[in-house]
PDB file of N, CA and C in Angstrom:
ATOM      1  N   MET A   1     -13.891  19.088  29.933  1.00  0.00           N
ATOM      2  CA  MET A   1     -13.113  20.241  30.181  1.00  0.00           C
ATOM      3  C   MET A   1     -13.463  20.776  29.074  1.00  0.00           C
ATOM      4  N   HIS A   2     -13.719  22.063  29.028  1.00  0.00           N
ATOM      5  CA  HIS A   2     -13.949  23.092  28.325  1.00  0.00           C
ATOM      6  C   HIS A   2     -12.229  23.387  27.347  1.00  0.00           C
ATOM      7  N   PRO A   3     -12.711  23.447  25.906  1.00  0.00           N
ATOM      8  CA  PRO A   3     -11.057  23.880  25.160  1.00  0.00           C
ATOM      9  C   PRO A   3     -10.646  24.925  25.232  1.00  0.00           C
ATOM     10  N   GLU A   4     -11.125  26.148  26.133  1.00  0.00           N
ATOM     11  CA  GLU A   4     -10.625  27.133  26.227  1.00  0.00           C
ATOM     12  C   GLU A   4      -9.667  27.107  27.963  1.00  0.00           C
ATOM     13  N   GLU A   5     -10.230  26.222  28.523  1.00  0.00           N
ATOM     14  CA  GLU A   5      -9.426  25.433  29.753  1.00  0.00           C
ATOM     15  C   GLU A   5      -8.480  25.247  29.688  1.00  0.00           C
ATOM     16  N   ILE A   6      -8.133  24.399  28.474  1.00  0.00           N
ATOM     17  CA  ILE A   6      -6.805  23.294  28.159  1.00  0.00           C
ATOM     18  C   ILE A   6      -6.085  24.497  27.399  1.00  0.00           C
ATOM     19  N   GLN A   7      -7.017  25.462  26.574  1.00  0.00           N
ATOM     20  CA  GLN A   7      -5.789  26.327  26.134  1.00  0.00           C
ATOM     21  C   GLN A   7      -5.099  27.369  27.407  1.00  0.00           C
ATOM     22  N   ALA A   8      -5.822  27.915  27.840  1.00  0.00           N
ATOM     23  CA  ALA A   8      -5.464  28.748  29.591  1.00  0.00           C
ATOM     24  C   ALA A   8      -4.090  27.901  29.467  1.00  0.00           C
ATOM     25  N   LEU A   9      -4.065  26.342  30.120  1.00  0.00           N
ATOM     26  CA  LEU A   9      -3.221  25.582  30.670  1.00  0.00           C
ATOM     27  C   LEU A   9      -2.066  25.859  29.840  1.00  0.00           C
ATOM     28  N   ILE A  10      -1.545  25.186  28.533  1.00  0.00           N
ATOM     29  CA  ILE A  10      -1.048  25.292  27.458  1.00  0.00           C
ATOM     30  C   ILE A  10      -0.213  26.953  27.134  1.00  0.00           C
ATOM     31  N   GLU A  11      -0.837  27.714  27.393  1.00  0.00           N
ATOM     32  CA  GLU A  11      -0.679  28.849  27.364  1.00  0.00           C
ATOM     33  C   GLU A  11       0.216  29.697  28.818  1.00  0.00           C
ATOM     34  N   ALA A  12      -0.058  29.400  29.880  1.00  0.00           N
ATOM     35  CA  ALA A  12       0.440  29.334  31.192  1.00  0.00           C
ATOM     36  C   ALA A  12       1.767  28.440  31.268  1.00  0.00           C
ATOM     37  N   GLY A  13       1.683  27.062  30.931  1.00  0.00           N
ATOM     38  CA  GLY A  13       3.028  26.793  30.786  1.00  0.00           C
ATOM     39  C   GLY A  13       3.990  26.819  29.946  1.00  0.00           C
ATOM     40  N   LEU A  14       3.448  27.779  28.500  1.00  0.00           N
ATOM     41  CA  LEU A  14       4.422  28.001  27.570  1.00  0.00           C
ATOM     42  C   LEU A  14       4.226  29.155  27.198  1.00  0.00           C
ATOM     43  N   PRO A  15       5.035  30.066  28.042  1.00  0.00           N
ATOM     44  CA  PRO A  15       4.713  31.493  27.770  1.00  0.00           C
ATOM     45  C   PRO A  15       4.992  32.237  26.359  1.00  0.00           C
ATOM     46  N   GLY A  16       4.101  32.658  25.885  1.00  0.00           N
ATOM     47  CA  GLY A  16       4.551  33.297  24.530  1.00  0.00           C
ATOM     48  C   GLY A  16       3.767  32.712  23.415  1.00  0.00           C
ATOM     49  N   SER A  17       3.358  31.478  23.796  1.00  0.00           N
ATOM     50  CA  SER A  17       3.099  30.900  22.610  1.00  0.00           C
ATOM     51  C   SER A  17       1.695  30.922  22.396  1.00  0.00           C
ATOM     52  N   SER A  18       1.000  30.789  21.145  1.00  0.00           N
ATOM     53  CA  SER A  18      -0.260  30.602  20.543  1.00  0.00           C
ATOM     54  C   SER A  18      -0.799  29.593  20.397  1.00  0.00           C
ATOM     55  N   VAL A  19      -2.194  29.389  21.218  1.00  0.00           N
ATOM     56  CA  VAL A  19      -2.918  28.258  21.287  1.00  0.00           C
ATOM     57  C   VAL A  19      -4.332  27.763  20.357  1.00  0.00           C
ATOM     58  N   ARG A  20      -5.256  27.134  20.173  1.00  0.00           N
ATOM     59  CA  ARG A  20      -5.896  27.386  19.579  1.00  0.00           C
ATOM     60  C   ARG A  20      -6.185  25.359  20.100  1.00  0.00           C
ATOM     61  N   VAL A  21      -7.346  25.187  20.802  1.00  0.00           N
ATOM     62  CA  VAL A  21      -7.852  24.067  21.089  1.00  0.00           C
ATOM     63  C   VAL A  21      -9.425  24.002  20.778  1.00  0.00           C
ATOM     64  N   SER A  22     -10.026  23.012  20.197  1.00  0.00           N
ATOM     65  CA  SER A  22     -11.047  22.525  19.579  1.00  0.00           C
ATOM     66  C   SER A  22     -11.235  21.392  20.070  1.00  0.00           C
ATOM     67  N   SER A  23     -12.891  20.835  20.201  1.00  0.00           N
ATOM     68  CA  SER A  23     -13.018  19.765  20.405  1.00  0.00           C
ATOM     69  C   SER A  23     -14.869  19.913  20.300  1.00  0.00           C
ATOM     70  N   PRO A  24     -15.248  18.390  19.750  1.00  0.00           N
ATOM     71  CA  PRO A  24     -16.651  18.334  19.090  1.00  0.00           C
ATOM     72  C   PRO A  24     -17.293  17.544  20.437  1.00  0.00           C
ATOM     73  N   ASP A  25     -16.554  17.091  21.079  1.00  0.00           N
ATOM     74  CA  ASP A  25     -18.026  16.883  22.241  1.00  0.00           C
ATOM     75  C   ASP A  25     -16.981  16.906  23.687  1.00  0.00           C
ATOM     76  N   ARG A  26     -15.942  17.206  23.755  1.00  0.00           N
ATOM     77  CA  ARG A  26     -15.119  17.679  25.103  1.00  0.00           C
ATOM     78  C   ARG A  26     -14.655  16.435  25.709  1.00  0.00           C
ATOM     79  N   VAL A  27     -14.527  15.311  24.894  1.00  0.00           N
ATOM     80  CA  VAL A  27     -13.260  13.886  24.883  1.00  0.00           C
ATOM     81  C   VAL A  27     -12.147  13.880  24.471  1.00  0.00           C
ATOM     82  N   HIS A  28     -12.564  14.233  23.051  1.00  0.00           N
ATOM     83  CA  HIS A  28     -11.389  14.566  22.155  1.00  0.00           C
ATOM     84  C   HIS A  28     -11.003  15.833  21.869  1.00  0.00           C
ATOM     85  N   TYR A  29      -9.691  15.827  21.765  1.00  0.00           N
ATOM     86  CA  TYR A  29      -9.535  17.900  22.014  1.00  0.00           C
ATOM     87  C   TYR A  29      -8.572  17.689  20.433  1.00  0.00           C
ATOM     88  N   GLU A  30      -8.152  18.612  19.699  1.00  0.00           N
ATOM     89  CA  GLU A  30      -7.009  18.606  18.748  1.00  0.00           C
ATOM     90  C   GLU A  30      -6.845  20.178  19.196  1.00  0.00           C
ATOM     91  N   ALA A  31      -4.978  20.346  19.840  1.00  0.00           N
ATOM     92  CA  ALA A  31      -4.768  21.617  19.841  1.00  0.00           C
ATOM     93  C   ALA A  31      -4.071  21.840  18.764  1.00  0.00           C
ATOM     94  N   LEU A  32      -3.953  23.082  18.263  1.00  0.00           N
ATOM     95  CA  LEU A  32      -2.157  23.840  17.562  1.00  0.00           C
ATOM     96  C   LEU A  32      -1.606  24.619  18.236  1.00  0.00           C
ATOM     97  N   VAL A  33      -0.421  24.816  18.427  1.00  0.00           N
ATOM     98  CA  VAL A  33       0.221  24.795  19.354  1.00  0.00           C
ATOM     99  C   VAL A  33       1.726  25.639  19.173  1.00  0.00           C
ATOM    100  N   VAL A  34       1.839  26.851  19.081  1.00  0.00           N
ATOM    101  CA  VAL A  34       2.556  27.550  17.980  1.00  0.00           C
ATOM    102  C   VAL A  34       3.439  28.230  19.074  1.00  0.00           C
ATOM    103  N   SER A  35       4.734  27.988  18.919  1.00  0.00           N
ATOM    104  CA  SER A  35       5.766  28.638  20.084  1.00  0.00           C
ATOM    105  C   SER A  35       7.188  28.499  19.397  1.00  0.00           C
ATOM    106  N   ALA A  36       8.065  29.916  19.727  1.00  0.00           N
ATOM    107  CA  ALA A  36       9.368  29.769  19.527  1.00  0.00           C
ATOM    108  C   ALA A  36      10.232  28.731  20.144  1.00  0.00           C
ATOM    109  N   ALA A  37       9.857  28.122  21.541  1.00  0.00           N
ATOM    110  CA  ALA A  37      10.257  27.907  22.345  1.00  0.00           C
ATOM    111  C   ALA A  37      10.230  26.402  21.239  1.00  0.00           C
ATOM    112  N   PHE A  38       9.885  26.071  20.627  1.00  0.00           N
ATOM    113  CA  PHE A  38       9.718  23.972  20.089  1.00  0.00           C
ATOM    114  C   PHE A  38      11.240  24.757  18.817  1.00  0.00           C
ATOM    115  N   ALA A  39      11.725  25.372  18.404  1.00  0.00           N
ATOM    116  CA  ALA A  39      12.788  25.497  17.413  1.00  0.00           C
ATOM    117  C   ALA A  39      14.040  24.972  18.373  1.00  0.00           C
ATOM    118  N   GLY A  40      14.340  23.391  17.416  1.00  0.00           N
ATOM    119  CA  GLY A  40      15.253  22.544  17.461  1.00  0.00           C
ATOM    120  C   GLY A  40      14.972  21.410  18.029  1.00  0.00           C
ATOM    121  N   LYS A  41      13.817  21.168  18.369  1.00  0.00           N
ATOM    122  CA  LYS A  41      13.457  19.965  19.322  1.00  0.00           C
ATOM    123  C   LYS A  41      12.455  19.552  18.252  1.00  0.00           C
ATOM    124  N   ARG A  42      12.796  18.047  18.612  1.00  0.00           N
ATOM    125  CA  ARG A  42      11.945  16.895  17.856  1.00  0.00           C
ATOM    126  C   ARG A  42      10.973  17.166  18.401  1.00  0.00           C
ATOM    127  N   PRO A  43       9.450  16.353  17.653  1.00  0.00           N
ATOM    128  CA  PRO A  43       8.399  16.722  17.557  1.00  0.00           C
ATOM    129  C   PRO A  43       7.862  15.646  18.985  1.00  0.00           C
ATOM    130  N   LEU A  44       8.189  14.652  19.425  1.00  0.00           N
ATOM    131  CA  LEU A  44       8.383  14.146  20.793  1.00  0.00           C
ATOM    132  C   LEU A  44       8.799  15.105  21.973  1.00  0.00           C
ATOM    133  N   GLN A  45       9.918  15.612  21.539  1.00  0.00           N
ATOM    134  CA  GLN A  45       9.961  16.870  22.753  1.00  0.00           C
ATOM    135  C   GLN A  45       8.881  17.808  22.639  1.00  0.00           C
ATOM    136  N   ARG A  46       8.476  18.412  21.496  1.00  0.00           N
ATOM    137  CA  ARG A  46       7.520  19.122  21.764  1.00  0.00           C
ATOM    138  C   ARG A  46       6.117  18.790  22.132  1.00  0.00           C
ATOM    139  N   HIS A  47       5.619  17.528  22.065  1.00  0.00           N
ATOM    140  CA  HIS A  47       4.635  17.117  22.526  1.00  0.00           C
ATOM    141  C   HIS A  47       4.935  17.174  24.299  1.00  0.00           C
ATOM    142  N   GLN A  48       6.396  16.657  24.764  1.00  0.00           N
ATOM    143  CA  GLN A  48       6.103  16.623  25.730  1.00  0.00           C
ATOM    144  C   GLN A  48       6.475  17.676  26.503  1.00  0.00           C
ATOM    145  N   MET A  49       6.800  19.114  25.889  1.00  0.00           N
ATOM    146  CA  MET A  49       6.284  20.117  26.918  1.00  0.00           C
ATOM    147  C   MET A  49       4.850  20.838  26.730  1.00  0.00           C
ATOM    148  N   VAL A  50       3.979  20.376  25.594  1.00  0.00           N
ATOM    149  CA  VAL A  50       2.804  20.442  26.128  1.00  0.00           C
ATOM    150  C   VAL A  50       2.364  19.552  27.253  1.00  0.00           C
ATOM    151  N   TYR A  51       2.585  18.667  27.320  1.00  0.00           N
ATOM    152  CA  TYR A  51       2.132  17.892  28.537  1.00  0.00           C
ATOM    153  C   TYR A  51       2.969  18.064  29.711  1.00  0.00           C
ATOM    154  N   ARG A  52       3.678  18.518  30.148  1.00  0.00           N
ATOM    155  CA  ARG A  52       4.135  18.998  31.113  1.00  0.00           C
ATOM    156  C   ARG A  52       2.994  20.455  31.055  1.00  0.00           C
ATOM    157  N   ALA A  53       3.088  21.116  30.251  1.00  0.00           N
ATOM    158  CA  ALA A  53       2.218  22.199  30.557  1.00  0.00           C
ATOM    159  C   ALA A  53       0.503  21.949  30.923  1.00  0.00           C
ATOM    160  N   LEU A  54      -0.006  20.717  30.754  1.00  0.00           N
ATOM    161  CA  LEU A  54      -0.821  20.097  31.160  1.00  0.00           C
ATOM    162  C   LEU A  54      -0.979  19.447  33.063  1.00  0.00           C
ATOM    163  N   GLY A  55       0.022  18.556  32.782  1.00  0.00           N
ATOM    164  CA  GLY A  55       0.271  18.311  34.248  1.00  0.00           C
ATOM    165  C   GLY A  55      -0.578  16.931  34.485  1.00  0.00           C
ATOM    166  N   ASP A  56      -0.713  16.670  35.306  1.00  0.00           N
ATOM    167  CA  ASP A  56      -2.015  15.760  35.807  1.00  0.00           C
ATOM    168  C   ASP A  56      -3.481  15.388  35.215  1.00  0.00           C
ATOM    169  N   ARG A  57      -3.626  16.811  34.938  1.00  0.00           N
ATOM    170  CA  ARG A  57      -4.969  16.773  33.774  1.00  0.00           C
ATOM    171  C   ARG A  57      -4.987  15.863  32.474  1.00  0.00           C
ATOM    172  N   MET A  58      -3.490  15.432  32.070  1.00  0.00           N
ATOM    173  CA  MET A  58      -3.621  14.600  30.901  1.00  0.00           C
ATOM    174  C   MET A  58      -3.632  13.340  31.546  1.00  0.00           C
ATOM    175  N   GLY A  59      -4.661  12.754  30.580  1.00  0.00           N
ATOM    176  CA  GLY A  59      -4.999  11.097  31.526  1.00  0.00           C
ATOM    177  C   GLY A  59      -5.917  11.159  32.562  1.00  0.00           C
ATOM    178  N   GLY A  60      -6.165  12.383  32.921  1.00  0.00           N
ATOM    179  CA  GLY A  60      -7.424  12.601  33.449  1.00  0.00           C
ATOM    180  C   GLY A  60      -8.703  13.021  33.470  1.00  0.00           C
ATOM    181  N   ASP A  61      -8.560  14.491  33.388  1.00  0.00           N
ATOM    182  CA  ASP A  61      -9.858  15.570  32.534  1.00  0.00           C
ATOM    183  C   ASP A  61      -9.363  15.339  31.181  1.00  0.00           C
ATOM    184  N   ILE A  62      -8.147  15.177  30.802  1.00  0.00           N
ATOM    185  CA  ILE A  62      -7.964  15.152  29.436  1.00  0.00           C
ATOM    186  C   ILE A  62      -7.870  13.880  28.967  1.00  0.00           C
ATOM    187  N   HIS A  63      -8.405  13.313  27.913  1.00  0.00           N
ATOM    188  CA  HIS A  63      -8.367  11.793  27.632  1.00  0.00           C
ATOM    189  C   HIS A  63      -7.767  11.258  26.623  1.00  0.00           C
ATOM    190  N   ALA A  64      -7.882  12.181  25.085  1.00  0.00           N
ATOM    191  CA  ALA A  64      -8.025  12.244  23.909  1.00  0.00           C
ATOM    192  C   ALA A  64      -7.449  13.767  23.628  1.00  0.00           C
ATOM    193  N   LEU A  65      -5.991  13.562  23.065  1.00  0.00           N
ATOM    194  CA  LEU A  65      -5.735  15.115  22.955  1.00  0.00           C
ATOM    195  C   LEU A  65      -4.376  15.144  21.239  1.00  0.00           C
ATOM    196  N   SER A  66      -5.166  15.502  20.317  1.00  0.00           N
ATOM    197  CA  SER A  66      -3.885  15.688  19.073  1.00  0.00           C
ATOM    198  C   SER A  66      -3.490  16.634  19.005  1.00  0.00           C
ATOM    199  N   ILE A  67      -2.388  16.457  19.297  1.00  0.00           N
ATOM    200  CA  ILE A  67      -1.463  17.971  18.738  1.00  0.00           C
ATOM    201  C   ILE A  67      -0.441  18.175  17.871  1.00  0.00           C
ATOM    202  N   ARG A  68      -0.802  19.625  17.293  1.00  0.00           N
ATOM    203  CA  ARG A  68       0.090  19.855  16.435  1.00  0.00           C
ATOM    204  C   ARG A  68       1.075  20.811  16.950  1.00  0.00           C
ATOM    205  N   ALA A  69       2.022  21.098  16.755  1.00  0.00           N
ATOM    206  CA  ALA A  69       3.151  21.852  17.773  1.00  0.00           C
ATOM    207  C   ALA A  69       4.193  22.155  16.651  1.00  0.00           C
ATOM    208  N   VAL A  70       4.175  23.054  16.419  1.00  0.00           N
ATOM    209  CA  VAL A  70       4.911  23.925  15.323  1.00  0.00           C
ATOM    210  C   VAL A  70       5.798  25.583  16.150  1.00  0.00           C
ATOM    211  N   THR A  71       7.068  25.555  15.037  1.00  0.00           N
ATOM    212  CA  THR A  71       7.427  27.200  15.396  1.00  0.00           C
ATOM    213  C   THR A  71       6.551  28.038  14.644  1.00  0.00           C
ATOM    214  N   PRO A  72       6.521  29.552  15.079  1.00  0.00           N
ATOM    215  CA  PRO A  72       5.993  30.266  14.173  1.00  0.00           C
ATOM    216  C   PRO A  72       6.351  30.212  12.903  1.00  0.00           C
ATOM    217  N   GLU A  73       7.706  29.954  12.602  1.00  0.00           N
ATOM    218  CA  GLU A  73       8.367  29.714  10.959  1.00  0.00           C
ATOM    219  C   GLU A  73       8.288  28.621  10.344  1.00  0.00           C
ATOM    220  N   GLU A  74       7.347  27.987  10.904  1.00  0.00           N
ATOM    221  CA  GLU A  74       7.235  26.443  10.482  1.00  0.00           C
ATOM    222  C   GLU A  74       5.483  26.872   9.890  1.00  0.00           C
ATOM    223  N   LEU A  75       4.579  27.174  10.994  1.00  0.00           N
ATOM    224  CA  LEU A  75       3.351  27.522  10.926  1.00  0.00           C
ATOM    225  C   LEU A  75       3.305  28.862   9.067  1.00  0.00           C
ATOM    226  N   SER A  76       4.292  29.335   8.704  1.00  0.00           N
ATOM    227  CA  SER A  76       4.377  30.698   8.361  1.00  0.00           C
ATOM    228  C   SER A  76       4.681  30.039   6.902  1.00  0.00           C
ATOM    229  N   SER A  77       5.553  29.518   6.761  1.00  0.00           N
ATOM    230  CA  SER A  77       6.189  28.620   5.586  1.00  0.00           C
ATOM    231  C   SER A  77       5.052  27.108   5.156  1.00  0.00           C
ATOM    232  N   GLY A  78       5.012  26.921   5.816  1.00  0.00           N
ATOM    233  CA  GLY A  78       3.705  25.310   5.862  1.00  0.00           C
ATOM    234  C   GLY A  78       4.154  24.446   5.687  1.00  0.00           C
ATOM    235  N   ASN A  79       5.288  24.498   6.413  1.00  0.00           N
ATOM    236  CA  ASN A  79       5.656  23.345   6.822  1.00  0.00           C
ATOM    237  C   ASN A  79       5.555  22.715   8.029  1.00  0.00           C
ATOM    238  N   GLY A  80       4.806  23.131   8.946  1.00  0.00           N
ATOM    239  CA  GLY A  80       4.898  22.396  10.056  1.00  0.00           C
ATOM    240  C   GLY A  80       3.251  21.487   9.990  1.00  0.00           C
TER     241      GLY A  80
END
């Protein structure tokens, strides 16, 4: 899968989010997901939100995804 496809899926599943996905080999992916919807959520809950946005593609088309899920405030303060 192209990183841009993964980015579009996450953005559609988490409206208002800012997403950047990169991949050196289209097998291993890294995603930075910034969303106000993550406020008050634990890291596991945030990852689950991203996984839901990707649906059946996780474990299928997407084999390895490293996720950094932060709120806009965490990103701007350097705490995320």
